[in-house]
């Protein structure tokens, strides 16, 4: 019984350590101007922008291609 308890505690500690290490690896821009984007932001948004460019503009055209847009 004690062996299973220590195994569970060790696994929980390893999981917390993994989450903490992953959180420490993220980069945060510390600019005072909120309107400036991070240097790699345009590269990260490129796949979405390319996909959005192929979405038909009118509701009838989206219905003809069976494209669903959700969100506000």
PDB file of N, CA and C in Angstrom:
ATOM      1  N   UNK A   1       0.815  -1.185   0.000  1.00  0.00           N
ATOM      2  CA  UNK A   1       0.000   0.000   0.000  1.00  0.00           C
ATOM      3  C   UNK A   1       0.867   1.260   0.000  1.00  0.00           C
ATOM      4  N   UNK A   2       1.896   1.288   0.834  1.00  0.00           N
ATOM      5  CA  UNK A   2       2.750   2.470   0.901  1.00  0.00           C
ATOM      6  C   UNK A   2       3.526   2.649  -0.396  1.00  0.00           C
ATOM      7  N   UNK A   3       3.854   1.542  -1.034  1.00  0.00           N
ATOM      8  CA  UNK A   3       4.592   1.609  -2.295  1.00  0.00           C
ATOM      9  C   UNK A   3       3.744   2.292  -3.372  1.00  0.00           C
ATOM     10  N   UNK A   4       2.456   1.978  -3.431  1.00  0.00           N
ATOM     11  CA  UNK A   4       1.565   2.612  -4.409  1.00  0.00           C
ATOM     12  C   UNK A   4       1.388   4.095  -4.097  1.00  0.00           C
ATOM     13  N   UNK A   5       1.319   4.437  -2.822  1.00  0.00           N
ATOM     14  CA  UNK A   5       1.177   5.840  -2.428  1.00  0.00           C
ATOM     15  C   UNK A   5       2.390   6.643  -2.871  1.00  0.00           C
ATOM     16  N   UNK A   6       3.586   6.121  -2.642  1.00  0.00           N
ATOM     17  CA  UNK A   6       4.799   6.830  -3.046  1.00  0.00           C
ATOM     18  C   UNK A   6       4.936   6.880  -4.562  1.00  0.00           C
ATOM     19  N   UNK A   7       4.484   5.848  -5.227  1.00  0.00           N
ATOM     20  CA  UNK A   7       4.514   5.860  -6.693  1.00  0.00           C
ATOM     21  C   UNK A   7       3.584   6.942  -7.245  1.00  0.00           C
ATOM     22  N   UNK A   8       2.397   7.055  -6.668  1.00  0.00           N
ATOM     23  CA  UNK A   8       1.457   8.096  -7.075  1.00  0.00           C
ATOM     24  C   UNK A   8       2.007   9.483  -6.763  1.00  0.00           C
ATOM     25  N   UNK A   9       2.590   9.661  -5.593  1.00  0.00           N
ATOM     26  CA  UNK A   9       3.162  10.953  -5.215  1.00  0.00           C
ATOM     27  C   UNK A   9       4.313  11.320  -6.150  1.00  0.00           C
ATOM     28  N   UNK A  10       5.142  10.355  -6.501  1.00  0.00           N
ATOM     29  CA  UNK A  10       6.248  10.615  -7.425  1.00  0.00           C
ATOM     30  C   UNK A  10       5.756  10.985  -8.808  1.00  0.00           C
ATOM     31  N   UNK A  11       4.717  10.309  -9.268  1.00  0.00           N
ATOM     32  CA  UNK A  11       4.153  10.622 -10.585  1.00  0.00           C
ATOM     33  C   UNK A  11       3.527  12.009 -10.582  1.00  0.00           C
ATOM     34  N   UNK A  12       2.845  12.374  -9.512  1.00  0.00           N
ATOM     35  CA  UNK A  12       2.243  13.705  -9.409  1.00  0.00           C
ATOM     36  C   UNK A  12       3.318  14.779  -9.377  1.00  0.00           C
ATOM     37  N   UNK A  13       4.395  14.536  -8.641  1.00  0.00           N
ATOM     38  CA  UNK A  13       5.500  15.491  -8.580  1.00  0.00           C
ATOM     39  C   UNK A  13       6.168  15.635  -9.943  1.00  0.00           C
ATOM     40  N   UNK A  14       6.360  14.530 -10.657  1.00  0.00           N
ATOM     41  CA  UNK A  14       6.962  14.583 -11.990  1.00  0.00           C
ATOM     42  C   UNK A  14       6.067  15.359 -12.956  1.00  0.00           C
ATOM     43  N   UNK A  15       4.769  15.181 -12.848  1.00  0.00           N
ATOM     44  CA  UNK A  15       3.839  15.931 -13.692  1.00  0.00           C
ATOM     45  C   UNK A  15       3.891  17.427 -13.412  1.00  0.00           C
ATOM     46  N   UNK A  16       3.936  17.790 -12.133  1.00  0.00           N
ATOM     47  CA  UNK A  16       4.040  19.202 -11.773  1.00  0.00           C
ATOM     48  C   UNK A  16       5.367  19.793 -12.257  1.00  0.00           C
ATOM     49  N   UNK A  17       6.421  19.026 -12.158  1.00  0.00           N
ATOM     50  CA  UNK A  17       7.727  19.482 -12.632  1.00  0.00           C
ATOM     51  C   UNK A  17       7.715  19.689 -14.140  1.00  0.00           C
ATOM     52  N   UNK A  18       7.057  18.804 -14.849  1.00  0.00           N
ATOM     53  CA  UNK A  18       6.947  18.929 -16.307  1.00  0.00           C
ATOM     54  C   UNK A  18       6.148  20.169 -16.695  1.00  0.00           C
ATOM     55  N   UNK A  19       5.051  20.431 -15.993  1.00  0.00           N
ATOM     56  CA  UNK A  19       4.240  21.609 -16.277  1.00  0.00           C
ATOM     57  C   UNK A  19       5.021  22.884 -15.970  1.00  0.00           C
ATOM     58  N   UNK A  20       5.755  22.889 -14.870  1.00  0.00           N
ATOM     59  CA  UNK A  20       6.546  24.064 -14.512  1.00  0.00           C
ATOM     60  C   UNK A  20       7.651  24.314 -15.531  1.00  0.00           C
ATOM     61  N   UNK A  21       8.277  23.256 -16.012  1.00  0.00           N
ATOM     62  CA  UNK A  21       9.338  23.412 -17.007  1.00  0.00           C
ATOM     63  C   UNK A  21       8.773  23.911 -18.333  1.00  0.00           C
ATOM     64  N   UNK A  22       7.607  23.429 -18.710  1.00  0.00           N
ATOM     65  CA  UNK A  22       6.991  23.885 -19.957  1.00  0.00           C
ATOM     66  C   UNK A  22       6.567  25.340 -19.841  1.00  0.00           C
ATOM     67  N   UNK A  23       6.098  25.745 -18.698  1.00  0.00           N
ATOM     68  CA  UNK A  23       5.717  27.136 -18.490  1.00  0.00           C
ATOM     69  C   UNK A  23       6.911  28.067 -18.486  1.00  0.00           C
ATOM     70  N   UNK A  24       8.045  27.588 -18.037  1.00  0.00           N
ATOM     71  CA  UNK A  24       9.244  28.416 -18.002  1.00  0.00           C
ATOM     72  C   UNK A  24       9.843  28.600 -19.393  1.00  0.00           C
ATOM     73  N   UNK A  25       9.502  27.736 -20.325  1.00  0.00           N
ATOM     74  CA  UNK A  25      10.070  27.816 -21.670  1.00  0.00           C
ATOM     75  C   UNK A  25       9.320  28.771 -22.580  1.00  0.00           C
ATOM     76  N   UNK A  26       8.152  29.236 -22.186  1.00  0.00           N
ATOM     77  CA  UNK A  26       7.397  30.143 -23.049  1.00  0.00           C
ATOM     78  C   UNK A  26       8.029  31.522 -23.011  1.00  0.00           C
ATOM     79  N   UNK A  27       7.956  32.224 -24.140  1.00  0.00           N
ATOM     80  CA  UNK A  27       8.510  33.570 -24.203  1.00  0.00           C
ATOM     81  C   UNK A  27       7.376  34.574 -24.103  1.00  0.00           C
ATOM     82  N   UNK A  28       7.619  35.639 -23.403  1.00  0.00           N
ATOM     83  CA  UNK A  28       6.626  36.686 -23.212  1.00  0.00           C
ATOM     84  C   UNK A  28       7.261  37.997 -23.643  1.00  0.00           C
ATOM     85  N   UNK A  29       6.565  38.756 -24.495  1.00  0.00           N
ATOM     86  CA  UNK A  29       7.054  40.061 -24.914  1.00  0.00           C
ATOM     87  C   UNK A  29       6.763  41.062 -23.808  1.00  0.00           C
ATOM     88  N   UNK A  30       7.776  41.790 -23.367  1.00  0.00           N
ATOM     89  CA  UNK A  30       7.619  42.759 -22.292  1.00  0.00           C
ATOM     90  C   UNK A  30       7.639  44.179 -22.835  1.00  0.00           C
ATOM     91  N   UNK A  31       6.955  44.432 -23.934  1.00  0.00           N
ATOM     92  CA  UNK A  31       6.862  45.775 -24.496  1.00  0.00           C
ATOM     93  C   UNK A  31       5.778  46.545 -23.775  1.00  0.00           C
ATOM     94  N   UNK A  32       5.979  47.838 -23.662  1.00  0.00           N
ATOM     95  CA  UNK A  32       4.953  48.663 -23.045  1.00  0.00           C
ATOM     96  C   UNK A  32       3.816  48.946 -24.018  1.00  0.00           C
ATOM     97  N   UNK A  33       4.113  48.907 -25.318  1.00  0.00           N
ATOM     98  CA  UNK A  33       3.073  49.146 -26.322  1.00  0.00           C
ATOM     99  C   UNK A  33       2.319  47.847 -26.568  1.00  0.00           C
ATOM    100  N   UNK A  34       1.043  47.844 -26.257  1.00  0.00           N
ATOM    101  CA  UNK A  34       0.252  46.622 -26.412  1.00  0.00           C
ATOM    102  C   UNK A  34      -0.088  46.346 -27.863  1.00  0.00           C
ATOM    103  N   UNK A  35       0.014  47.358 -28.724  1.00  0.00           N
ATOM    104  CA  UNK A  35      -0.377  47.163 -30.118  1.00  0.00           C
ATOM    105  C   UNK A  35       0.702  46.472 -30.941  1.00  0.00           C
ATOM    106  N   UNK A  36       1.931  46.418 -30.438  1.00  0.00           N
ATOM    107  CA  UNK A  36       2.996  45.764 -31.184  1.00  0.00           C
ATOM    108  C   UNK A  36       2.890  44.258 -31.011  1.00  0.00           C
ATOM    109  N   UNK A  37       3.086  43.543 -32.109  1.00  0.00           N
ATOM    110  CA  UNK A  37       3.027  42.086 -32.057  1.00  0.00           C
ATOM    111  C   UNK A  37       4.427  41.534 -31.847  1.00  0.00           C
ATOM    112  N   UNK A  38       4.504  40.304 -31.378  1.00  0.00           N
ATOM    113  CA  UNK A  38       5.790  39.641 -31.211  1.00  0.00           C
ATOM    114  C   UNK A  38       6.422  39.421 -32.583  1.00  0.00           C
ATOM    115  N   UNK A  39       7.750  39.329 -32.657  1.00  0.00           N
ATOM    116  CA  UNK A  39       8.414  39.193 -33.951  1.00  0.00           C
ATOM    117  C   UNK A  39       7.948  37.992 -34.773  1.00  0.00           C
ATOM    118  N   UNK A  40       7.636  36.862 -34.158  1.00  0.00           N
ATOM    119  CA  UNK A  40       7.217  35.681 -34.893  1.00  0.00           C
ATOM    120  C   UNK A  40       5.719  35.553 -35.063  1.00  0.00           C
ATOM    121  N   UNK A  41       4.962  36.590 -34.658  1.00  0.00           N
ATOM    122  CA  UNK A  41       3.506  36.488 -34.690  1.00  0.00           C
ATOM    123  C   UNK A  41       2.977  36.364 -36.107  1.00  0.00           C
ATOM    124  N   UNK A  42       3.563  37.059 -37.049  1.00  0.00           N
ATOM    125  CA  UNK A  42       3.065  36.982 -38.420  1.00  0.00           C
ATOM    126  C   UNK A  42       3.332  35.611 -39.021  1.00  0.00           C
ATOM    127  N   UNK A  43       4.445  35.008 -38.661  1.00  0.00           N
ATOM    128  CA  UNK A  43       4.732  33.671 -39.172  1.00  0.00           C
ATOM    129  C   UNK A  43       3.785  32.633 -38.575  1.00  0.00           C
ATOM    130  N   UNK A  44       3.419  32.806 -37.326  1.00  0.00           N
ATOM    131  CA  UNK A  44       2.520  31.854 -36.673  1.00  0.00           C
ATOM    132  C   UNK A  44       1.098  31.991 -37.187  1.00  0.00           C
ATOM    133  N   UNK A  45       0.702  33.185 -37.608  1.00  0.00           N
ATOM    134  CA  UNK A  45      -0.656  33.424 -38.083  1.00  0.00           C
ATOM    135  C   UNK A  45      -0.799  33.143 -39.580  1.00  0.00           C
ATOM    136  N   UNK A  46       0.290  32.875 -40.275  1.00  0.00           N
ATOM    137  CA  UNK A  46       0.237  32.693 -41.726  1.00  0.00           C
ATOM    138  C   UNK A  46      -0.687  31.561 -42.164  1.00  0.00           C
ATOM    139  N   UNK A  47      -0.693  30.377 -41.536  1.00  0.00           N
ATOM    140  CA  UNK A  47      -1.611  29.324 -41.988  1.00  0.00           C
ATOM    141  C   UNK A  47      -3.077  29.728 -41.870  1.00  0.00           C
ATOM    142  N   UNK A  48      -3.443  30.434 -40.798  1.00  0.00           N
ATOM    143  CA  UNK A  48      -4.820  30.876 -40.646  1.00  0.00           C
ATOM    144  C   UNK A  48      -5.177  31.903 -41.712  1.00  0.00           C
ATOM    145  N   UNK A  49      -4.282  32.843 -41.952  1.00  0.00           N
ATOM    146  CA  UNK A  49      -4.550  33.882 -42.947  1.00  0.00           C
ATOM    147  C   UNK A  49      -4.706  33.275 -44.337  1.00  0.00           C
ATOM    148  N   UNK A  50      -3.900  32.281 -44.637  1.00  0.00           N
ATOM    149  CA  UNK A  50      -3.994  31.624 -45.939  1.00  0.00           C
ATOM    150  C   UNK A  50      -5.315  30.862 -46.059  1.00  0.00           C
ATOM    151  N   UNK A  51      -5.725  30.172 -45.013  1.00  0.00           N
ATOM    152  CA  UNK A  51      -6.987  29.434 -45.048  1.00  0.00           C
ATOM    153  C   UNK A  51      -8.173  30.395 -45.121  1.00  0.00           C
ATOM    154  N   UNK A  52      -8.106  31.515 -44.391  1.00  0.00           N
ATOM    155  CA  UNK A  52      -9.192  32.479 -44.388  1.00  0.00           C
ATOM    156  C   UNK A  52      -9.341  33.151 -45.740  1.00  0.00           C
ATOM    157  N   UNK A  53      -8.253  33.282 -46.475  1.00  0.00           N
ATOM    158  CA  UNK A  53      -8.302  33.915 -47.793  1.00  0.00           C
ATOM    159  C   UNK A  53      -9.116  33.085 -48.788  1.00  0.00           C
ATOM    160  N   UNK A  54      -9.239  31.777 -48.540  1.00  0.00           N
ATOM    161  CA  UNK A  54      -9.970  30.896 -49.462  1.00  0.00           C
ATOM    162  C   UNK A  54     -11.437  30.716 -49.085  1.00  0.00           C
ATOM    163  N   UNK A  55     -11.884  31.374 -48.017  1.00  0.00           N
ATOM    164  CA  UNK A  55     -13.292  31.277 -47.597  1.00  0.00           C
ATOM    165  C   UNK A  55     -14.116  32.238 -48.441  1.00  0.00           C
ATOM    166  N   UNK A  56     -15.215  31.761 -49.040  1.00  0.00           N
ATOM    167  CA  UNK A  56     -16.071  32.655 -49.828  1.00  0.00           C
ATOM    168  C   UNK A  56     -16.662  33.770 -48.961  1.00  0.00           C
ATOM    169  N   UNK A  57     -16.844  34.952 -49.543  1.00  0.00           N
ATOM    170  CA  UNK A  57     -17.297  36.125 -48.796  1.00  0.00           C
ATOM    171  C   UNK A  57     -18.804  36.162 -48.565  1.00  0.00           C
ATOM    172  N   UNK A  58     -19.594  35.676 -49.486  1.00  0.00           N
ATOM    173  CA  UNK A  58     -21.046  35.769 -49.335  1.00  0.00           C
ATOM    174  C   UNK A  58     -21.604  34.499 -48.713  1.00  0.00           C
ATOM    175  N   UNK A  59     -22.752  34.640 -48.082  1.00  0.00           N
ATOM    176  CA  UNK A  59     -23.400  33.493 -47.441  1.00  0.00           C
ATOM    177  C   UNK A  59     -23.808  32.447 -48.463  1.00  0.00           C
ATOM    178  N   UNK A  60     -24.266  32.882 -49.643  1.00  0.00           N
ATOM    179  CA  UNK A  60     -24.678  31.924 -50.675  1.00  0.00           C
ATOM    180  C   UNK A  60     -23.484  31.123 -51.187  1.00  0.00           C
ATOM    181  N   UNK A  61     -22.361  31.781 -51.367  1.00  0.00           N
ATOM    182  CA  UNK A  61     -21.166  31.073 -51.839  1.00  0.00           C
ATOM    183  C   UNK A  61     -20.655  30.098 -50.783  1.00  0.00           C
ATOM    184  N   UNK A  62     -20.725  30.489 -49.497  1.00  0.00           N
ATOM    185  CA  UNK A  62     -20.319  29.567 -48.426  1.00  0.00           C
ATOM    186  C   UNK A  62     -21.250  28.376 -48.367  1.00  0.00           C
ATOM    187  N   UNK A  63     -22.554  28.604 -48.582  1.00  0.00           N
ATOM    188  CA  UNK A  63     -23.512  27.500 -48.559  1.00  0.00           C
ATOM    189  C   UNK A  63     -23.261  26.550 -49.729  1.00  0.00           C
ATOM    190  N   UNK A  64     -22.899  27.093 -50.883  1.00  0.00           N
ATOM    191  CA  UNK A  64     -22.634  26.258 -52.051  1.00  0.00           C
ATOM    192  C   UNK A  64     -21.391  25.385 -51.839  1.00  0.00           C
ATOM    193  N   UNK A  65     -20.413  25.892 -51.128  1.00  0.00           N
ATOM    194  CA  UNK A  65     -19.185  25.113 -50.863  1.00  0.00           C
ATOM    195  C   UNK A  65     -19.249  24.369 -49.533  1.00  0.00           C
ATOM    196  N   UNK A  66     -20.383  24.444 -48.834  1.00  0.00           N
ATOM    197  CA  UNK A  66     -20.605  23.849 -47.510  1.00  0.00           C
ATOM    198  C   UNK A  66     -19.502  24.253 -46.525  1.00  0.00           C
ATOM    199  N   UNK A  67     -19.295  25.551 -46.394  1.00  0.00           N
ATOM    200  CA  UNK A  67     -18.344  26.108 -45.456  1.00  0.00           C
ATOM    201  C   UNK A  67     -19.129  26.706 -44.295  1.00  0.00           C
ATOM    202  N   UNK A  68     -18.775  26.323 -43.073  1.00  0.00           N
ATOM    203  CA  UNK A  68     -19.450  26.827 -41.890  1.00  0.00           C
ATOM    204  C   UNK A  68     -18.495  27.746 -41.150  1.00  0.00           C
ATOM    205  N   UNK A  69     -18.952  28.947 -40.832  1.00  0.00           N
ATOM    206  CA  UNK A  69     -18.171  29.894 -40.045  1.00  0.00           C
ATOM    207  C   UNK A  69     -18.918  30.104 -38.741  1.00  0.00           C
ATOM    208  N   UNK A  70     -18.247  29.898 -37.614  1.00  0.00           N
ATOM    209  CA  UNK A  70     -18.886  30.109 -36.329  1.00  0.00           C
ATOM    210  C   UNK A  70     -17.991  31.008 -35.480  1.00  0.00           C
ATOM    211  N   UNK A  71     -18.593  31.725 -34.584  1.00  0.00           N
ATOM    212  CA  UNK A  71     -17.862  32.640 -33.714  1.00  0.00           C
ATOM    213  C   UNK A  71     -18.279  34.070 -33.974  1.00  0.00           C
ATOM    214  N   UNK A  72     -17.798  34.949 -33.107  1.00  0.00           N
ATOM    215  CA  UNK A  72     -18.109  36.373 -33.263  1.00  0.00           C
ATOM    216  C   UNK A  72     -16.841  37.156 -33.231  1.00  0.00           C
TER     217      UNK A  72
END
